[in-house]
All heavy atoms as atom14 arrays in JSON, in Angstrom:
{
  "sequence": "MLGDFTAKTGMPWPQYYDGKFWKNDISTRFGIVSIPAMFLIDQEG",
  "atom14_mask": [
    [1, 1, 1, 1, 1, 1, 1, 1, 0, 0, 0, 0, 0, 0],
    [1, 1, 1, 1, 1, 1, 1, 1, 0, 0, 0, 0, 0, 0],
    [1, 1, 1, 1, 0, 0, 0, 0, 0, 0, 0, 0, 0, 0],
    [1, 1, 1, 1, 1, 1, 1, 1, 0, 0, 0, 0, 0, 0],
    [1, 1, 1, 1, 1, 1, 1, 1, 1, 1, 1, 0, 0, 0],
    [1, 1, 1, 1, 1, 1, 1, 0, 0, 0, 0, 0, 0, 0],
    [1, 1, 1, 1, 1, 0, 0, 0, 0, 0, 0, 0, 0, 0],
    [1, 1, 1, 1, 1, 1, 1, 1, 1, 0, 0, 0, 0, 0],
    [1, 1, 1, 1, 1, 1, 1, 0, 0, 0, 0, 0, 0, 0],
    [1, 1, 1, 1, 0, 0, 0, 0, 0, 0, 0, 0, 0, 0],
    [1, 1, 1, 1, 1, 1, 1, 1, 0, 0, 0, 0, 0, 0],
    [1, 1, 1, 1, 1, 1, 1, 0, 0, 0, 0, 0, 0, 0],
    [1, 1, 1, 1, 1, 1, 1, 1, 1, 1, 1, 1, 1, 1],
    [1, 1, 1, 1, 1, 1, 1, 0, 0, 0, 0, 0, 0, 0],
    [1, 1, 1, 1, 1, 1, 1, 1, 1, 0, 0, 0, 0, 0],
    [1, 1, 1, 1, 1, 1, 1, 1, 1, 1, 1, 1, 0, 0],
    [1, 1, 1, 1, 1, 1, 1, 1, 1, 1, 1, 1, 0, 0],
    [1, 1, 1, 1, 1, 1, 1, 1, 0, 0, 0, 0, 0, 0],
    [1, 1, 1, 1, 0, 0, 0, 0, 0, 0, 0, 0, 0, 0],
    [1, 1, 1, 1, 1, 1, 1, 1, 1, 0, 0, 0, 0, 0],
    [1, 1, 1, 1, 1, 1, 1, 1, 1, 1, 1, 0, 0, 0],
    [1, 1, 1, 1, 1, 1, 1, 1, 1, 1, 1, 1, 1, 1],
    [1, 1, 1, 1, 1, 1, 1, 1, 1, 0, 0, 0, 0, 0],
    [1, 1, 1, 1, 1, 1, 1, 1, 0, 0, 0, 0, 0, 0],
    [1, 1, 1, 1, 1, 1, 1, 1, 0, 0, 0, 0, 0, 0],
    [1, 1, 1, 1, 1, 1, 1, 1, 0, 0, 0, 0, 0, 0],
    [1, 1, 1, 1, 1, 1, 0, 0, 0, 0, 0, 0, 0, 0],
    [1, 1, 1, 1, 1, 1, 1, 0, 0, 0, 0, 0, 0, 0],
    [1, 1, 1, 1, 1, 1, 1, 1, 1, 1, 1, 0, 0, 0],
    [1, 1, 1, 1, 1, 1, 1, 1, 1, 1, 1, 0, 0, 0],
    [1, 1, 1, 1, 0, 0, 0, 0, 0, 0, 0, 0, 0, 0],
    [1, 1, 1, 1, 1, 1, 1, 1, 0, 0, 0, 0, 0, 0],
    [1, 1, 1, 1, 1, 1, 1, 0, 0, 0, 0, 0, 0, 0],
    [1, 1, 1, 1, 1, 1, 0, 0, 0, 0, 0, 0, 0, 0],
    [1, 1, 1, 1, 1, 1, 1, 1, 0, 0, 0, 0, 0, 0],
    [1, 1, 1, 1, 1, 1, 1, 0, 0, 0, 0, 0, 0, 0],
    [1, 1, 1, 1, 1, 0, 0, 0, 0, 0, 0, 0, 0, 0],
    [1, 1, 1, 1, 1, 1, 1, 1, 0, 0, 0, 0, 0, 0],
    [1, 1, 1, 1, 1, 1, 1, 1, 1, 1, 1, 0, 0, 0],
    [1, 1, 1, 1, 1, 1, 1, 1, 0, 0, 0, 0, 0, 0],
    [1, 1, 1, 1, 1, 1, 1, 1, 0, 0, 0, 0, 0, 0],
    [1, 1, 1, 1, 1, 1, 1, 1, 0, 0, 0, 0, 0, 0],
    [1, 1, 1, 1, 1, 1, 1, 1, 1, 0, 0, 0, 0, 0],
    [1, 1, 1, 1, 1, 1, 1, 1, 1, 0, 0, 0, 0, 0],
    [1, 1, 1, 1, 0, 0, 0, 0, 0, 0, 0, 0, 0, 0]
  ],
  "atom14_positions": [
    [[-89.69, -22.38, -2.2], [-90.69, -23.25, -1.65], [-90.07, -24.58, -1.21], [-90.29, -25.01, -0.09], [-91.8, -23.48, -2.67], [-93.02, -24.11, -2.04], [-94.25, -24.61, -3.23], [-95.13, -23.11, -3.47], [0.0, 0.0, 0.0], [0.0, 0.0, 0.0], [0.0, 0.0, 0.0], [0.0, 0.0, 0.0], [0.0, 0.0, 0.0], [0.0, 0.0, 0.0]],
    [[-89.28, -25.23, -2.07], [-88.61, -26.47, -1.7], [-87.64, -26.21, -0.56], [-87.56, -26.98, 0.39], [-87.87, -27.09, -2.9], [-87.09, -28.38, -2.63], [-88.0, -29.49, -2.14], [-86.36, -28.8, -3.89], [0.0, 0.0, 0.0], [0.0, 0.0, 0.0], [0.0, 0.0, 0.0], [0.0, 0.0, 0.0], [0.0, 0.0, 0.0], [0.0, 0.0, 0.0]],
    [[-86.9, -25.1, -0.63], [-85.96, -24.74, 0.44], [-86.65, -24.56, 1.77], [-86.13, -24.98, 2.81], [0.0, 0.0, 0.0], [0.0, 0.0, 0.0], [0.0, 0.0, 0.0], [0.0, 0.0, 0.0], [0.0, 0.0, 0.0], [0.0, 0.0, 0.0], [0.0, 0.0, 0.0], [0.0, 0.0, 0.0], [0.0, 0.0, 0.0], [0.0, 0.0, 0.0]],
    [[-87.82, -23.93, 1.78], [-88.58, -23.76, 3.02], [-89.0, -25.1, 3.6], [-88.9, -25.33, 4.8], [-89.83, -22.9, 2.77], [-89.49, -21.47, 2.38], [-88.37, -21.01, 2.72], [-90.33, -20.82, 1.75], [0.0, 0.0, 0.0], [0.0, 0.0, 0.0], [0.0, 0.0, 0.0], [0.0, 0.0, 0.0], [0.0, 0.0, 0.0], [0.0, 0.0, 0.0]],
    [[-89.48, -25.99, 2.74], [-89.92, -27.31, 3.19], [-88.77, -28.1, 3.8], [-88.91, -28.69, 4.87], [-90.54, -28.1, 2.04], [-90.88, -29.52, 2.4], [-92.02, -29.8, 3.14], [-90.05, -30.56, 2.04], [-92.33, -31.11, 3.5], [-90.34, -31.87, 2.39], [-91.48, -32.13, 3.12], [0.0, 0.0, 0.0], [0.0, 0.0, 0.0], [0.0, 0.0, 0.0]],
    [[-87.62, -28.12, 3.11], [-86.5, -28.91, 3.62], [-85.95, -28.33, 4.92], [-85.55, -29.09, 5.81], [-85.38, -29.04, 2.58], [-84.92, -27.74, 2.21], [-85.86, -29.78, 1.34], [0.0, 0.0, 0.0], [0.0, 0.0, 0.0], [0.0, 0.0, 0.0], [0.0, 0.0, 0.0], [0.0, 0.0, 0.0], [0.0, 0.0, 0.0], [0.0, 0.0, 0.0]],
    [[-85.97, -27.03, 5.06], [-85.51, -26.42, 6.32], [-86.49, -26.74, 7.44], [-86.08, -27.08, 8.55], [-85.37, -24.91, 6.14], [0.0, 0.0, 0.0], [0.0, 0.0, 0.0], [0.0, 0.0, 0.0], [0.0, 0.0, 0.0], [0.0, 0.0, 0.0], [0.0, 0.0, 0.0], [0.0, 0.0, 0.0], [0.0, 0.0, 0.0], [0.0, 0.0, 0.0]],
    [[-87.77, -26.64, 7.16], [-88.81, -26.89, 8.16], [-88.81, -28.34, 8.63], [-89.02, -28.62, 9.81], [-90.18, -26.54, 7.58], [-91.33, -26.74, 8.52], [-92.64, -26.35, 7.85], [-93.83, -26.69, 8.69], [-95.09, -26.41, 8.0], [0.0, 0.0, 0.0], [0.0, 0.0, 0.0], [0.0, 0.0, 0.0], [0.0, 0.0, 0.0], [0.0, 0.0, 0.0]],
    [[-88.53, -29.28, 7.72], [-88.57, -30.69, 8.07], [-87.2, -31.25, 8.46], [-87.07, -32.45, 8.71], [-89.15, -31.52, 6.91], [-88.37, -31.28, 5.74], [-90.6, -31.19, 6.66], [0.0, 0.0, 0.0], [0.0, 0.0, 0.0], [0.0, 0.0, 0.0], [0.0, 0.0, 0.0], [0.0, 0.0, 0.0], [0.0, 0.0, 0.0], [0.0, 0.0, 0.0]],
    [[-86.19, -30.39, 8.54], [-84.87, -30.82, 8.99], [-84.13, -31.7, 8.0], [-83.5, -32.68, 8.38], [0.0, 0.0, 0.0], [0.0, 0.0, 0.0], [0.0, 0.0, 0.0], [0.0, 0.0, 0.0], [0.0, 0.0, 0.0], [0.0, 0.0, 0.0], [0.0, 0.0, 0.0], [0.0, 0.0, 0.0], [0.0, 0.0, 0.0], [0.0, 0.0, 0.0]],
    [[-84.2, -31.38, 6.72], [-83.5, -32.13, 5.68], [-82.3, -31.3, 5.21], [-82.41, -30.53, 4.26], [-84.44, -32.41, 4.51], [-85.64, -33.25, 4.9], [-86.93, -33.29, 3.63], [-86.14, -34.16, 2.32], [0.0, 0.0, 0.0], [0.0, 0.0, 0.0], [0.0, 0.0, 0.0], [0.0, 0.0, 0.0], [0.0, 0.0, 0.0], [0.0, 0.0, 0.0]],
    [[-81.12, -31.44, 5.86], [-80.0, -30.57, 5.55], [-79.24, -30.93, 4.28], [-78.4, -30.15, 3.83], [-79.09, -30.74, 6.78], [-79.37, -32.14, 7.23], [-80.84, -32.35, 6.97], [0.0, 0.0, 0.0], [0.0, 0.0, 0.0], [0.0, 0.0, 0.0], [0.0, 0.0, 0.0], [0.0, 0.0, 0.0], [0.0, 0.0, 0.0], [0.0, 0.0, 0.0]],
    [[-79.5, -32.1, 3.7], [-78.77, -32.48, 2.5], [-79.32, -31.75, 1.29], [-80.46, -31.29, 1.26], [-78.84, -34.0, 2.3], [-80.24, -34.54, 2.33], [-81.1, -34.65, 1.27], [-80.95, -35.03, 3.47], [-82.3, -35.17, 1.68], [-82.23, -35.41, 3.03], [-80.63, -35.17, 4.82], [-83.18, -35.93, 3.89], [-81.59, -35.69, 5.66], [-82.83, -36.06, 5.19]],
    [[-78.51, -31.62, 0.23], [-78.95, -30.9, -0.97], [-80.17, -31.55, -1.62], [-80.27, -32.78, -1.68], [-77.75, -30.99, -1.91], [-76.59, -31.32, -1.05], [-77.14, -32.1, 0.12], [0.0, 0.0, 0.0], [0.0, 0.0, 0.0], [0.0, 0.0, 0.0], [0.0, 0.0, 0.0], [0.0, 0.0, 0.0], [0.0, 0.0, 0.0], [0.0, 0.0, 0.0]],
    [[-81.07, -30.74, -2.13], [-82.26, -31.21, -2.82], [-82.2, -30.73, -4.27], [-81.68, -29.65, -4.55], [-83.52, -30.63, -2.17], [-83.66, -30.93, -0.7], [-83.87, -32.41, -0.44], [-84.62, -33.07, -1.13], [-83.19, -32.92, 0.57], [0.0, 0.0, 0.0], [0.0, 0.0, 0.0], [0.0, 0.0, 0.0], [0.0, 0.0, 0.0], [0.0, 0.0, 0.0]],
    [[-82.74, -31.52, -5.16], [-82.75, -31.15, -6.58], [-84.08, -31.57, -7.18], [-84.5, -32.71, -7.03], [-81.61, -31.86, -7.31], [-81.58, -31.59, -8.79], [-81.04, -30.4, -9.28], [-82.08, -32.5, -9.69], [-81.0, -30.15, -10.64], [-82.06, -32.26, -11.05], [-81.52, -31.09, -11.52], [-81.49, -30.83, -12.86], [0.0, 0.0, 0.0], [0.0, 0.0, 0.0]],
    [[-84.74, -30.64, -7.85], [-85.97, -30.96, -8.55], [-86.09, -30.04, -9.75], [-86.0, -28.82, -9.63], [-87.2, -30.78, -7.64], [-88.48, -31.09, -8.37], [-88.84, -32.4, -8.66], [-89.31, -30.07, -8.81], [-90.0, -32.7, -9.35], [-90.48, -30.36, -9.51], [-90.81, -31.66, -9.78], [-91.95, -31.96, -10.47], [0.0, 0.0, 0.0], [0.0, 0.0, 0.0]],
    [[-86.26, -30.62, -10.94], [-86.41, -29.81, -12.15], [-87.69, -30.12, -12.91], [-87.91, -29.61, -13.99], [-85.19, -29.98, -13.06], [-85.04, -31.4, -13.59], [-85.91, -32.25, -13.32], [-84.04, -31.67, -14.27], [0.0, 0.0, 0.0], [0.0, 0.0, 0.0], [0.0, 0.0, 0.0], [0.0, 0.0, 0.0], [0.0, 0.0, 0.0], [0.0, 0.0, 0.0]],
    [[-88.54, -31.0, -12.34], [-89.81, -31.33, -12.97], [-89.73, -32.42, -14.03], [-90.75, -32.8, -14.61], [0.0, 0.0, 0.0], [0.0, 0.0, 0.0], [0.0, 0.0, 0.0], [0.0, 0.0, 0.0], [0.0, 0.0, 0.0], [0.0, 0.0, 0.0], [0.0, 0.0, 0.0], [0.0, 0.0, 0.0], [0.0, 0.0, 0.0], [0.0, 0.0, 0.0]],
    [[-88.54, -32.95, -14.29], [-88.38, -33.97, -15.33], [-88.5, -35.39, -14.77], [-88.33, -36.36, -15.51], [-87.02, -33.82, -16.02], [-86.87, -32.51, -16.77], [-85.48, -32.43, -17.39], [-85.24, -31.1, -18.04], [-83.86, -31.02, -18.58], [0.0, 0.0, 0.0], [0.0, 0.0, 0.0], [0.0, 0.0, 0.0], [0.0, 0.0, 0.0], [0.0, 0.0, 0.0]],
    [[-88.74, -35.51, -13.47], [-88.88, -36.81, -12.82], [-87.67, -37.69, -13.09], [-86.55, -37.27, -12.89], [-90.21, -37.47, -13.2], [-91.39, -36.59, -12.86], [-91.98, -35.79, -13.83], [-91.84, -36.51, -11.55], [-93.04, -34.96, -13.5], [-92.9, -35.68, -11.22], [-93.5, -34.9, -12.2], [0.0, 0.0, 0.0], [0.0, 0.0, 0.0], [0.0, 0.0, 0.0]],
    [[-87.84, -38.95, -13.55], [-86.72, -39.87, -13.72], [-85.88, -39.57, -14.95], [-84.88, -40.23, -15.21], [-87.21, -41.31, -13.76], [-87.83, -41.71, -12.48], [-89.15, -42.01, -12.27], [-87.22, -41.8, -11.2], [-89.39, -42.28, -10.95], [-88.2, -42.16, -10.27], [-85.92, -41.6, -10.74], [-87.93, -42.34, -8.92], [-85.65, -41.78, -9.39], [-86.65, -42.15, -8.5]],
    [[-86.25, -38.58, -15.72], [-85.48, -38.24, -16.91], [-84.66, -36.96, -16.7], [-84.19, -36.36, -17.66], [-86.42, -38.07, -18.1], [-87.2, -39.33, -18.4], [-87.48, -39.48, -19.84], [-88.32, -40.68, -20.16], [-87.75, -41.94, -19.9], [0.0, 0.0, 0.0], [0.0, 0.0, 0.0], [0.0, 0.0, 0.0], [0.0, 0.0, 0.0], [0.0, 0.0, 0.0]],
    [[-84.45, -36.57, -15.44], [-83.66, -35.35, -15.21], [-82.17, -35.65, -15.34], [-81.74, -36.8, -15.42], [-84.0, -34.71, -13.86], [-83.51, -35.51, -12.68], [-82.35, -35.86, -12.59], [-84.42, -35.83, -11.77], [0.0, 0.0, 0.0], [0.0, 0.0, 0.0], [0.0, 0.0, 0.0], [0.0, 0.0, 0.0], [0.0, 0.0, 0.0], [0.0, 0.0, 0.0]],
    [[-81.37, -34.6, -15.39], [-79.94, -34.72, -15.63], [-79.23, -35.6, -14.6], [-78.39, -36.44, -14.95], [-79.27, -33.34, -15.65], [-79.81, -32.46, -16.76], [-80.35, -32.99, -17.75], [-79.69, -31.22, -16.64], [0.0, 0.0, 0.0], [0.0, 0.0, 0.0], [0.0, 0.0, 0.0], [0.0, 0.0, 0.0], [0.0, 0.0, 0.0], [0.0, 0.0, 0.0]],
    [[-79.55, -35.43, -13.34], [-78.85, -36.19, -12.29], [-79.24, -37.66, -12.32], [-78.37, -38.53, -12.26], [-79.11, -35.56, -10.91], [-78.43, -34.19, -10.84], [-78.6, -36.47, -9.8], [-78.67, -33.43, -9.56], [0.0, 0.0, 0.0], [0.0, 0.0, 0.0], [0.0, 0.0, 0.0], [0.0, 0.0, 0.0], [0.0, 0.0, 0.0], [0.0, 0.0, 0.0]],
    [[-80.54, -37.96, -12.42], [-80.93, -39.38, -12.39], [-80.42, -40.13, -13.61], [-80.0, -41.29, -13.49], [-82.45, -39.53, -12.26], [-83.1, -39.02, -13.4], [0.0, 0.0, 0.0], [0.0, 0.0, 0.0], [0.0, 0.0, 0.0], [0.0, 0.0, 0.0], [0.0, 0.0, 0.0], [0.0, 0.0, 0.0], [0.0, 0.0, 0.0], [0.0, 0.0, 0.0]],
    [[-80.41, -39.52, -14.77], [-79.9, -40.21, -15.95], [-78.38, -40.32, -15.9], [-77.81, -41.36, -16.27], [-80.35, -39.54, -17.25], [-79.97, -38.16, -17.23], [-81.84, -39.63, -17.44], [0.0, 0.0, 0.0], [0.0, 0.0, 0.0], [0.0, 0.0, 0.0], [0.0, 0.0, 0.0], [0.0, 0.0, 0.0], [0.0, 0.0, 0.0], [0.0, 0.0, 0.0]],
    [[-77.71, -39.31, -15.41], [-76.23, -39.33, -15.34], [-75.73, -40.42, -14.39], [-74.75, -41.1, -14.68], [-75.73, -37.97, -14.87], [-74.24, -37.87, -14.77], [-73.82, -36.47, -14.39], [-72.41, -36.39, -14.17], [-71.81, -35.37, -13.61], [-72.51, -34.33, -13.22], [-70.52, -35.37, -13.43], [0.0, 0.0, 0.0], [0.0, 0.0, 0.0], [0.0, 0.0, 0.0]],
    [[-76.41, -40.59, -13.24], [-75.94, -41.53, -12.23], [-76.77, -42.81, -12.17], [-76.56, -43.65, -11.3], [-75.91, -40.86, -10.86], [-74.89, -39.75, -10.79], [-75.29, -38.44, -10.76], [-73.54, -40.04, -10.79], [-74.36, -37.41, -10.7], [-72.59, -39.03, -10.73], [-73.0, -37.71, -10.69], [0.0, 0.0, 0.0], [0.0, 0.0, 0.0], [0.0, 0.0, 0.0]],
    [[-77.73, -42.99, -13.07], [-78.5, -44.22, -13.11], [-79.45, -44.41, -11.95], [-79.72, -45.52, -11.54], [0.0, 0.0, 0.0], [0.0, 0.0, 0.0], [0.0, 0.0, 0.0], [0.0, 0.0, 0.0], [0.0, 0.0, 0.0], [0.0, 0.0, 0.0], [0.0, 0.0, 0.0], [0.0, 0.0, 0.0], [0.0, 0.0, 0.0], [0.0, 0.0, 0.0]],
    [[-79.99, -43.31, -11.42], [-80.92, -43.39, -10.3], [-82.29, -43.79, -10.83], [-82.84, -43.12, -11.69], [-81.01, -42.05, -9.54], [-79.64, -41.68, -8.98], [-82.07, -42.12, -8.44], [-79.58, -40.26, -8.43], [0.0, 0.0, 0.0], [0.0, 0.0, 0.0], [0.0, 0.0, 0.0], [0.0, 0.0, 0.0], [0.0, 0.0, 0.0], [0.0, 0.0, 0.0]],
    [[-82.82, -44.89, -10.3], [-84.14, -45.36, -10.74], [-85.1, -45.54, -9.57], [-86.22, -45.97, -9.76], [-84.02, -46.68, -11.54], [-83.28, -46.46, -12.84], [-83.34, -47.76, -10.71], [0.0, 0.0, 0.0], [0.0, 0.0, 0.0], [0.0, 0.0, 0.0], [0.0, 0.0, 0.0], [0.0, 0.0, 0.0], [0.0, 0.0, 0.0], [0.0, 0.0, 0.0]],
    [[-84.64, -45.22, -8.36], [-85.52, -45.31, -7.21], [-85.01, -44.4, -6.1], [-83.87, -43.95, -6.13], [-85.6, -46.76, -6.69], [-84.35, -47.16, -6.19], [0.0, 0.0, 0.0], [0.0, 0.0, 0.0], [0.0, 0.0, 0.0], [0.0, 0.0, 0.0], [0.0, 0.0, 0.0], [0.0, 0.0, 0.0], [0.0, 0.0, 0.0], [0.0, 0.0, 0.0]],
    [[-85.87, -44.16, -5.15], [-85.52, -43.35, -3.99], [-85.72, -44.24, -2.78], [-86.75, -44.88, -2.65], [-86.41, -42.1, -3.9], [-86.19, -41.23, -5.13], [-86.14, -41.32, -2.63], [-87.13, -40.05, -5.23], [0.0, 0.0, 0.0], [0.0, 0.0, 0.0], [0.0, 0.0, 0.0], [0.0, 0.0, 0.0], [0.0, 0.0, 0.0], [0.0, 0.0, 0.0]],
    [[-84.83, -44.33, -1.83], [-83.59, -43.56, -1.8], [-82.53, -44.19, -2.68], [-82.5, -45.4, -2.87], [-83.16, -43.61, -0.34], [-83.71, -44.9, 0.16], [-84.99, -45.13, -0.61], [0.0, 0.0, 0.0], [0.0, 0.0, 0.0], [0.0, 0.0, 0.0], [0.0, 0.0, 0.0], [0.0, 0.0, 0.0], [0.0, 0.0, 0.0], [0.0, 0.0, 0.0]],
    [[-81.67, -43.37, -3.22], [-80.49, -43.83, -3.95], [-79.3, -43.68, -3.01], [-79.26, -42.75, -2.21], [-80.29, -43.01, -5.21], [0.0, 0.0, 0.0], [0.0, 0.0, 0.0], [0.0, 0.0, 0.0], [0.0, 0.0, 0.0], [0.0, 0.0, 0.0], [0.0, 0.0, 0.0], [0.0, 0.0, 0.0], [0.0, 0.0, 0.0], [0.0, 0.0, 0.0]],
    [[-78.36, -44.59, -3.09], [-77.22, -44.58, -2.16], [-75.94, -44.33, -2.94], [-75.71, -44.94, -3.98], [-77.14, -45.93, -1.45], [-76.32, -45.95, -0.18], [-74.55, -45.84, -0.35], [-74.14, -47.35, -1.16], [0.0, 0.0, 0.0], [0.0, 0.0, 0.0], [0.0, 0.0, 0.0], [0.0, 0.0, 0.0], [0.0, 0.0, 0.0], [0.0, 0.0, 0.0]],
    [[-75.15, -43.39, -2.42], [-73.84, -43.1, -3.0], [-72.81, -43.14, -1.89], [-72.97, -42.48, -0.87], [-73.82, -41.7, -3.62], [-74.81, -41.51, -4.73], [-76.05, -40.98, -4.47], [-74.51, -41.89, -6.02], [-76.98, -40.81, -5.47], [-75.43, -41.73, -7.04], [-76.67, -41.18, -6.76], [0.0, 0.0, 0.0], [0.0, 0.0, 0.0], [0.0, 0.0, 0.0]],
    [[-71.76, -43.89, -2.09], [-70.62, -43.89, -1.17], [-69.58, -42.98, -1.8], [-69.14, -43.22, -2.93], [-70.08, -45.3, -0.97], [-68.9, -45.43, -0.01], [-69.27, -44.9, 1.39], [-68.43, -46.86, 0.07], [0.0, 0.0, 0.0], [0.0, 0.0, 0.0], [0.0, 0.0, 0.0], [0.0, 0.0, 0.0], [0.0, 0.0, 0.0], [0.0, 0.0, 0.0]],
    [[-69.21, -41.95, -1.07], [-68.32, -40.92, -1.59], [-67.02, -40.93, -0.8], [-67.04, -40.98, 0.43], [-69.0, -39.53, -1.51], [-70.29, -39.58, -2.33], [-68.06, -38.44, -1.98], [-71.14, -38.36, -2.22], [0.0, 0.0, 0.0], [0.0, 0.0, 0.0], [0.0, 0.0, 0.0], [0.0, 0.0, 0.0], [0.0, 0.0, 0.0], [0.0, 0.0, 0.0]],
    [[-65.89, -40.88, -1.5], [-64.61, -40.93, -0.81], [-64.21, -39.55, -0.27], [-64.95, -38.57, -0.42], [-63.51, -41.51, -1.71], [-63.11, -40.63, -2.87], [-63.51, -39.44, -2.93], [-62.37, -41.12, -3.74], [0.0, 0.0, 0.0], [0.0, 0.0, 0.0], [0.0, 0.0, 0.0], [0.0, 0.0, 0.0], [0.0, 0.0, 0.0], [0.0, 0.0, 0.0]],
    [[-63.03, -39.49, 0.35], [-62.57, -38.27, 0.99], [-62.33, -37.14, -0.01], [-62.31, -35.97, 0.38], [-61.26, -38.54, 1.77], [-61.42, -39.49, 2.93], [-61.18, -40.95, 2.55], [-61.4, -41.38, 1.42], [-60.75, -41.74, 3.52], [0.0, 0.0, 0.0], [0.0, 0.0, 0.0], [0.0, 0.0, 0.0], [0.0, 0.0, 0.0], [0.0, 0.0, 0.0]],
    [[-62.2, -37.45, -1.29], [-61.99, -36.44, -2.32], [-63.29, -36.01, -2.99], [-63.28, -35.2, -3.91], [-61.01, -36.97, -3.36], [-59.62, -37.23, -2.77], [-58.69, -37.84, -3.8], [-59.06, -37.98, -4.97], [-57.57, -38.2, -3.4], [0.0, 0.0, 0.0], [0.0, 0.0, 0.0], [0.0, 0.0, 0.0], [0.0, 0.0, 0.0], [0.0, 0.0, 0.0]],
    [[-64.42, -36.59, -2.54], [-65.71, -36.24, -3.1], [-66.08, -37.02, -4.34], [-67.04, -36.67, -5.04], [0.0, 0.0, 0.0], [0.0, 0.0, 0.0], [0.0, 0.0, 0.0], [0.0, 0.0, 0.0], [0.0, 0.0, 0.0], [0.0, 0.0, 0.0], [0.0, 0.0, 0.0], [0.0, 0.0, 0.0], [0.0, 0.0, 0.0], [0.0, 0.0, 0.0]]
  ]
}
């Protein structure tokens, strides 16, 4: 369902949703507290 929505709306970047809202693994690991969150990634990822 999420994959269909992102394809239909032209959102090619990875999406993640686990239902835990701001307490999910990614937001707590990287300190995300708002959307959009910005990450500058180097050539090595």
